[in-house]
Amino acid sequence: TERCIIAERTFLKKMEGGCSVPVFGLCKGNGKNMSLTGGVISLDGKTLVKNTIRFEKDMEVLAGRTLAEDI
């Protein structure tokens, strides 16, 4: 759980997400094989940019940053 939270928060921080920006992140995994899905939706709700990155444990910060940069 902690690794997922770190990955999600790193992604949201890099995306400068907050209450007024429709950005989302969801991490799943079993502690070894992890995935982080994240994206952003246009303010009018018509455009969605989304991607998923897979990573191993202890790589959650890099995964969050990399996903944000990809998006």
N, C-alpha and C. Protein backbone atom coordinates (compact mmCIF):
# COMPACT_ATOMS: atom_id res chain seq x y z
N THR A 1 0.83 -1.19 0.00
CA THR A 1 0.00 0.00 0.00
C THR A 1 0.87 1.25 0.00
N GLU A 2 1.90 1.26 0.84
CA GLU A 2 2.76 2.44 0.92
C GLU A 2 3.45 2.71 -0.41
N ARG A 3 3.91 1.68 -1.08
CA ARG A 3 4.59 1.85 -2.37
C ARG A 3 3.63 2.43 -3.41
N CYS A 4 2.40 1.97 -3.39
CA CYS A 4 1.40 2.50 -4.32
C CYS A 4 1.11 3.97 -4.04
N ILE A 5 0.97 4.31 -2.79
CA ILE A 5 0.71 5.70 -2.44
C ILE A 5 1.86 6.60 -2.88
N ILE A 6 3.07 6.15 -2.69
CA ILE A 6 4.24 6.94 -3.11
C ILE A 6 4.23 7.14 -4.62
N ALA A 7 3.95 6.09 -5.38
CA ALA A 7 3.90 6.19 -6.84
C ALA A 7 2.80 7.15 -7.28
N GLU A 8 1.62 7.02 -6.71
CA GLU A 8 0.49 7.89 -7.07
C GLU A 8 0.78 9.35 -6.71
N ARG A 9 1.29 9.59 -5.52
CA ARG A 9 1.56 10.97 -5.09
C ARG A 9 2.69 11.60 -5.90
N THR A 10 3.70 10.82 -6.25
CA THR A 10 4.77 11.34 -7.09
C THR A 10 4.22 11.75 -8.45
N PHE A 11 3.38 10.90 -9.04
CA PHE A 11 2.75 11.21 -10.31
C PHE A 11 1.92 12.49 -10.22
N LEU A 12 1.06 12.58 -9.21
CA LEU A 12 0.19 13.75 -9.07
C LEU A 12 0.98 15.03 -8.83
N LYS A 13 2.05 14.94 -8.05
CA LYS A 13 2.89 16.12 -7.79
C LYS A 13 3.55 16.59 -9.07
N LYS A 14 4.09 15.68 -9.85
CA LYS A 14 4.76 16.04 -11.11
C LYS A 14 3.76 16.63 -12.10
N MET A 15 2.52 16.15 -12.07
CA MET A 15 1.48 16.65 -12.97
C MET A 15 0.86 17.95 -12.44
N GLU A 16 1.29 18.35 -11.24
CA GLU A 16 0.76 19.53 -10.57
C GLU A 16 -0.75 19.42 -10.38
N GLY A 17 -1.16 18.20 -10.02
CA GLY A 17 -2.58 17.93 -9.79
C GLY A 17 -3.05 18.53 -8.49
N GLY A 18 -4.29 18.91 -8.48
CA GLY A 18 -4.91 19.48 -7.29
C GLY A 18 -6.41 19.43 -7.46
N CYS A 19 -7.10 20.18 -6.66
CA CYS A 19 -8.56 20.16 -6.68
C CYS A 19 -9.15 20.74 -7.98
N SER A 20 -8.40 21.57 -8.68
CA SER A 20 -8.94 22.21 -9.88
C SER A 20 -8.44 21.58 -11.18
N VAL A 21 -7.61 20.54 -11.08
CA VAL A 21 -7.06 19.89 -12.28
C VAL A 21 -7.54 18.44 -12.29
N PRO A 22 -8.24 18.01 -13.36
CA PRO A 22 -8.74 16.64 -13.42
C PRO A 22 -7.66 15.62 -13.78
N VAL A 23 -6.81 15.31 -12.80
CA VAL A 23 -5.71 14.37 -12.96
C VAL A 23 -6.00 13.18 -12.04
N PHE A 24 -5.65 11.98 -12.50
CA PHE A 24 -5.90 10.80 -11.68
C PHE A 24 -4.73 9.84 -11.76
N GLY A 25 -4.56 9.05 -10.71
CA GLY A 25 -3.54 8.01 -10.68
C GLY A 25 -4.02 6.85 -9.84
N LEU A 26 -3.74 5.63 -10.31
CA LEU A 26 -4.12 4.43 -9.57
C LEU A 26 -3.01 3.40 -9.71
N CYS A 27 -2.50 2.98 -8.59
CA CYS A 27 -1.43 1.97 -8.56
C CYS A 27 -2.00 0.65 -8.06
N LYS A 28 -1.56 -0.43 -8.69
CA LYS A 28 -1.94 -1.77 -8.27
C LYS A 28 -0.70 -2.65 -8.25
N GLY A 29 -0.73 -3.67 -7.43
CA GLY A 29 0.41 -4.58 -7.43
C GLY A 29 0.42 -5.49 -6.23
N ASN A 30 1.35 -6.42 -6.27
CA ASN A 30 1.47 -7.40 -5.20
C ASN A 30 2.75 -7.22 -4.40
N GLY A 31 3.38 -6.07 -4.53
CA GLY A 31 4.61 -5.81 -3.79
C GLY A 31 5.85 -6.02 -4.62
N LYS A 32 5.77 -6.86 -5.64
CA LYS A 32 6.91 -7.09 -6.51
C LYS A 32 6.63 -6.52 -7.90
N ASN A 33 5.56 -6.97 -8.52
CA ASN A 33 5.17 -6.48 -9.83
C ASN A 33 4.06 -5.45 -9.66
N MET A 34 4.36 -4.23 -10.03
CA MET A 34 3.44 -3.12 -9.79
C MET A 34 3.06 -2.46 -11.12
N SER A 35 1.91 -1.78 -11.13
CA SER A 35 1.55 -0.98 -12.28
C SER A 35 0.92 0.32 -11.79
N LEU A 36 1.17 1.38 -12.52
CA LEU A 36 0.64 2.69 -12.22
C LEU A 36 -0.06 3.20 -13.47
N THR A 37 -1.34 3.49 -13.34
CA THR A 37 -2.12 4.08 -14.42
C THR A 37 -2.45 5.50 -14.02
N GLY A 38 -2.26 6.42 -14.93
CA GLY A 38 -2.55 7.80 -14.64
C GLY A 38 -2.98 8.53 -15.88
N GLY A 39 -3.57 9.68 -15.67
CA GLY A 39 -3.99 10.47 -16.81
C GLY A 39 -4.51 11.83 -16.41
N VAL A 40 -4.96 12.53 -17.42
CA VAL A 40 -5.54 13.86 -17.25
C VAL A 40 -6.69 13.98 -18.23
N ILE A 41 -7.72 14.69 -17.81
CA ILE A 41 -8.91 14.90 -18.63
C ILE A 41 -9.05 16.40 -18.86
N SER A 42 -9.41 16.76 -20.09
CA SER A 42 -9.60 18.18 -20.39
C SER A 42 -10.73 18.75 -19.52
N LEU A 43 -10.71 20.05 -19.31
CA LEU A 43 -11.70 20.69 -18.45
C LEU A 43 -13.12 20.51 -18.98
N ASP A 44 -13.28 20.38 -20.30
CA ASP A 44 -14.62 20.16 -20.85
C ASP A 44 -15.01 18.69 -20.84
N GLY A 45 -14.10 17.80 -20.43
CA GLY A 45 -14.38 16.38 -20.32
C GLY A 45 -14.35 15.61 -21.62
N LYS A 46 -13.95 16.25 -22.70
CA LYS A 46 -13.99 15.61 -24.02
C LYS A 46 -12.71 14.89 -24.40
N THR A 47 -11.59 15.23 -23.77
CA THR A 47 -10.31 14.63 -24.14
C THR A 47 -9.68 13.97 -22.92
N LEU A 48 -9.23 12.73 -23.12
CA LEU A 48 -8.58 11.96 -22.07
C LEU A 48 -7.22 11.51 -22.57
N VAL A 49 -6.19 11.76 -21.77
CA VAL A 49 -4.85 11.25 -22.05
C VAL A 49 -4.51 10.34 -20.87
N LYS A 50 -4.21 9.08 -21.17
CA LYS A 50 -4.02 8.07 -20.13
C LYS A 50 -2.93 7.10 -20.55
N ASN A 51 -2.19 6.60 -19.56
CA ASN A 51 -1.14 5.63 -19.85
C ASN A 51 -0.92 4.77 -18.61
N THR A 52 -0.28 3.63 -18.80
CA THR A 52 0.07 2.73 -17.70
C THR A 52 1.54 2.37 -17.81
N ILE A 53 2.20 2.32 -16.66
CA ILE A 53 3.60 1.94 -16.60
C ILE A 53 3.73 0.80 -15.60
N ARG A 54 4.55 -0.17 -15.91
CA ARG A 54 4.81 -1.29 -14.99
C ARG A 54 6.19 -1.09 -14.37
N PHE A 55 6.31 -1.47 -13.10
CA PHE A 55 7.58 -1.28 -12.40
C PHE A 55 7.72 -2.29 -11.29
N GLU A 56 8.93 -2.46 -10.82
CA GLU A 56 9.21 -3.36 -9.70
C GLU A 56 9.32 -2.56 -8.41
N LYS A 57 9.26 -3.25 -7.30
CA LYS A 57 9.32 -2.57 -6.01
C LYS A 57 10.59 -1.74 -5.89
N ASP A 58 10.52 -0.70 -5.11
CA ASP A 58 11.59 0.26 -4.88
C ASP A 58 11.81 1.19 -6.07
N MET A 59 10.94 1.14 -7.06
CA MET A 59 11.05 2.02 -8.23
C MET A 59 9.83 2.93 -8.33
N GLU A 60 9.08 3.09 -7.23
CA GLU A 60 7.82 3.82 -7.29
C GLU A 60 7.98 5.31 -7.60
N VAL A 61 9.02 5.95 -7.08
CA VAL A 61 9.23 7.37 -7.37
C VAL A 61 9.58 7.56 -8.85
N LEU A 62 10.47 6.74 -9.35
CA LEU A 62 10.83 6.81 -10.77
C LEU A 62 9.61 6.53 -11.65
N ALA A 63 8.80 5.57 -11.25
CA ALA A 63 7.60 5.24 -12.02
C ALA A 63 6.64 6.42 -12.08
N GLY A 64 6.40 7.07 -10.96
CA GLY A 64 5.51 8.24 -10.93
C GLY A 64 6.02 9.37 -11.80
N ARG A 65 7.30 9.65 -11.72
CA ARG A 65 7.90 10.72 -12.55
C ARG A 65 7.85 10.36 -14.03
N THR A 66 8.20 9.13 -14.34
CA THR A 66 8.25 8.69 -15.74
C THR A 66 6.86 8.74 -16.37
N LEU A 67 5.85 8.28 -15.65
CA LEU A 67 4.49 8.30 -16.18
C LEU A 67 4.04 9.74 -16.43
N ALA A 68 4.32 10.63 -15.51
CA ALA A 68 3.95 12.04 -15.68
C ALA A 68 4.65 12.64 -16.91
N GLU A 69 5.90 12.33 -17.08
CA GLU A 69 6.63 12.85 -18.23
C GLU A 69 6.08 12.27 -19.54
N ASP A 70 5.69 11.00 -19.53
CA ASP A 70 5.11 10.38 -20.73
C ASP A 70 3.78 11.05 -21.11
N ILE A 71 3.00 11.38 -20.11
CA ILE A 71 1.69 12.00 -20.38
C ILE A 71 1.86 13.45 -20.74
